[in-house]
Amino acid sequence: MMGHHLAHKIVIMREWIDILASFTDTLPYHLNRVSIKMSEMFSAQLHAFDISLFMYRVLMALYERQDQRLGELADINSIEISTMSRLIGTMSRRGLVTRDRSRDNGRTVTINLTPKGRALIQDLIPIAKAYEDVVTSRFNAAWRQATHHRTA
């Protein structure tokens, strides 16, 4: 006769097997896969402009809202502040962003796009939008099919 403890472990193991078997059929799994592939492909496009995906993200954040602090940009882009500091230094040396002391608080540095940085991000936005359009249209169709399959 199987003990209660062992029977409980077997039930838990079956549940985990079911979860793992259905894992590749879940929305988070597919979102992650699409995100990774899209990032890889978009990064290859960015290489032609001599910038990284992180640089693109910083440019886009500053395009959407100027006068951001280093910590804000690090949070928005999910990057450690020390990494963001080095990235901003590189982008500043390339003439893409400026670092200026705040008029209100001399200890605060605000980061902004230069005209060169603004022109670059304006060139990149249509490329990014094209990737987004392809992915979302394909993903929406696949998601509709997957959810229909589950409910049928």
Protein backbone atom coordinates (compact mmCIF):
# COMPACT_ATOMS: atom_id res chain seq x y z
CA MET A 1 0.00 0.00 0.00
CA MET A 2 1.33 3.41 -1.03
CA GLY A 3 1.84 5.89 1.80
CA HIS A 4 -0.02 9.22 1.80
CA HIS A 5 3.26 11.17 1.52
CA LEU A 6 4.38 9.26 -1.58
CA ALA A 7 0.95 9.52 -3.21
CA HIS A 8 1.05 13.27 -2.67
CA LYS A 9 4.51 13.49 -4.29
CA ILE A 10 3.27 11.52 -7.30
CA VAL A 11 0.32 13.91 -7.71
CA ILE A 12 2.69 16.87 -7.55
CA MET A 13 5.03 15.23 -10.08
CA ARG A 14 2.13 14.63 -12.49
CA GLU A 15 1.08 18.26 -12.14
CA TRP A 16 4.63 19.41 -12.95
CA ILE A 17 4.82 17.10 -15.96
CA ASP A 18 1.52 18.51 -17.23
CA ILE A 19 2.81 22.04 -16.70
CA LEU A 20 6.09 21.34 -18.51
CA ALA A 21 4.31 19.53 -21.35
CA SER A 22 2.02 22.50 -21.88
CA PHE A 23 4.72 25.12 -21.22
CA THR A 24 5.51 25.62 -24.90
CA ASP A 25 1.83 26.30 -25.50
CA THR A 26 1.64 29.24 -23.09
CA LEU A 27 1.49 32.95 -23.78
CA PRO A 28 4.53 33.87 -21.60
CA TYR A 29 6.65 31.26 -23.40
CA HIS A 30 5.69 32.60 -26.82
CA LEU A 31 6.09 36.22 -25.76
CA ASN A 32 9.60 35.47 -24.53
CA ARG A 33 10.54 33.61 -27.72
CA VAL A 34 9.18 36.37 -29.94
CA SER A 35 10.91 39.04 -27.87
CA ILE A 36 14.28 37.28 -28.08
CA LYS A 37 14.04 36.69 -31.83
CA MET A 38 12.82 40.23 -32.50
CA SER A 39 15.67 41.68 -30.40
CA GLU A 40 18.24 39.59 -32.29
CA MET A 41 16.91 40.63 -35.69
CA PHE A 42 16.50 44.29 -34.76
CA SER A 43 19.99 44.35 -33.24
CA ALA A 44 21.38 43.19 -36.58
CA GLN A 45 19.67 46.16 -38.24
CA LEU A 46 21.04 48.52 -35.59
CA HIS A 47 24.55 47.27 -36.28
CA ALA A 48 24.43 49.10 -39.62
CA PHE A 49 23.91 52.33 -37.64
CA ASP A 50 26.75 51.42 -35.24
CA ILE A 51 24.53 51.33 -32.16
CA SER A 52 23.40 48.62 -29.77
CA LEU A 53 19.87 47.68 -28.77
CA PHE A 54 20.45 49.37 -25.40
CA MET A 55 21.54 52.57 -27.15
CA TYR A 56 18.38 52.44 -29.27
CA ARG A 57 16.27 52.06 -26.14
CA VAL A 58 17.94 55.07 -24.51
CA LEU A 59 17.48 57.16 -27.66
CA MET A 60 13.81 56.15 -27.82
CA ALA A 61 13.23 56.95 -24.13
CA LEU A 62 14.78 60.39 -24.62
CA TYR A 63 12.83 60.94 -27.83
CA GLU A 64 9.62 60.32 -25.90
CA ARG A 65 10.66 62.50 -22.95
CA GLN A 66 13.66 64.83 -22.67
CA ASP A 67 15.44 65.91 -19.46
CA GLN A 68 15.73 62.45 -17.92
CA ARG A 69 18.08 61.54 -15.10
CA LEU A 70 20.45 58.60 -15.23
CA GLY A 71 18.43 56.62 -12.68
CA GLU A 72 15.22 57.13 -14.65
CA LEU A 73 16.83 55.85 -17.84
CA ALA A 74 18.29 52.87 -15.98
CA ASP A 75 14.87 51.98 -14.56
CA ILE A 76 13.04 52.40 -17.88
CA ASN A 77 15.58 50.21 -19.66
CA SER A 78 16.08 47.65 -16.86
CA ILE A 79 19.82 48.31 -16.76
CA GLU A 80 22.06 48.70 -13.71
CA ILE A 81 22.84 52.35 -13.09
CA SER A 82 26.60 51.78 -13.47
CA THR A 83 26.03 50.15 -16.88
CA MET A 84 23.74 53.01 -17.89
CA SER A 85 26.39 55.53 -16.82
CA ARG A 86 28.98 53.91 -19.10
CA LEU A 87 26.45 53.70 -21.93
CA ILE A 88 25.56 57.39 -21.60
CA GLY A 89 29.27 58.21 -21.59
CA THR A 90 29.74 56.33 -24.86
CA MET A 91 26.67 57.95 -26.40
CA SER A 92 27.85 61.39 -25.27
CA ARG A 93 31.28 60.86 -26.86
CA ARG A 94 29.52 59.87 -30.10
CA GLY A 95 27.50 63.08 -30.00
CA LEU A 96 24.11 61.38 -29.54
CA VAL A 97 23.23 62.74 -26.08
CA THR A 98 24.19 65.57 -23.76
CA ARG A 99 24.65 65.53 -20.01
CA ASP A 100 23.82 68.85 -18.40
CA ARG A 101 23.66 69.99 -14.79
CA SER A 102 20.14 70.89 -13.69
CA ARG A 103 19.50 74.59 -13.18
CA ASP A 104 17.39 73.76 -10.10
CA ASN A 105 19.83 71.33 -8.49
CA GLY A 106 23.50 71.43 -9.43
CA ARG A 107 23.99 67.84 -8.24
CA THR A 108 21.43 66.49 -10.72
CA VAL A 109 22.43 65.72 -14.30
CA THR A 110 19.80 65.63 -17.03
CA ILE A 111 20.29 63.74 -20.25
CA ASN A 112 18.93 64.87 -23.59
CA LEU A 113 19.19 64.04 -27.27
CA THR A 114 21.49 66.06 -29.46
CA PRO A 115 20.28 66.98 -32.97
CA LYS A 116 22.39 64.04 -34.21
CA GLY A 117 20.72 61.68 -31.71
CA ARG A 118 17.26 62.96 -32.62
CA ALA A 119 17.95 62.50 -36.35
CA LEU A 120 19.21 58.97 -35.73
CA ILE A 121 16.19 57.89 -33.71
CA GLN A 122 13.87 59.41 -36.31
CA ASP A 123 15.61 57.24 -38.92
CA LEU A 124 15.26 54.15 -36.71
CA ILE A 125 11.60 54.53 -35.72
CA PRO A 126 10.21 53.31 -39.08
CA ILE A 127 12.48 50.26 -38.94
CA ALA A 128 11.37 49.45 -35.40
CA LYS A 129 7.73 50.00 -36.37
CA ALA A 130 8.08 47.58 -39.30
CA TYR A 131 9.39 44.87 -36.95
CA GLU A 132 6.60 45.57 -34.49
CA ASP A 133 3.94 45.41 -37.20
CA VAL A 134 5.17 42.06 -38.52
CA VAL A 135 5.46 40.51 -35.08
CA THR A 136 2.13 41.76 -33.76
CA SER A 137 0.21 40.78 -36.88
CA ARG A 138 1.73 37.28 -36.92
CA PHE A 139 1.43 36.88 -33.19
CA ASN A 140 -2.20 37.99 -33.12
CA ALA A 141 -3.07 35.43 -35.80
CA ALA A 142 -1.16 32.67 -33.99
CA TRP A 143 -2.72 33.60 -30.66
CA ARG A 144 -6.23 33.54 -32.14
CA GLN A 145 -5.51 30.10 -33.59
CA ALA A 146 -4.05 28.79 -30.32
CA THR A 147 -6.91 30.07 -28.19
CA HIS A 148 -9.44 28.67 -30.66
CA HIS A 149 -7.64 25.30 -30.49
CA ARG A 150 -7.91 25.29 -26.70
CA THR A 151 -11.61 26.14 -26.66
CA ALA A 152 -12.60 23.80 -29.48
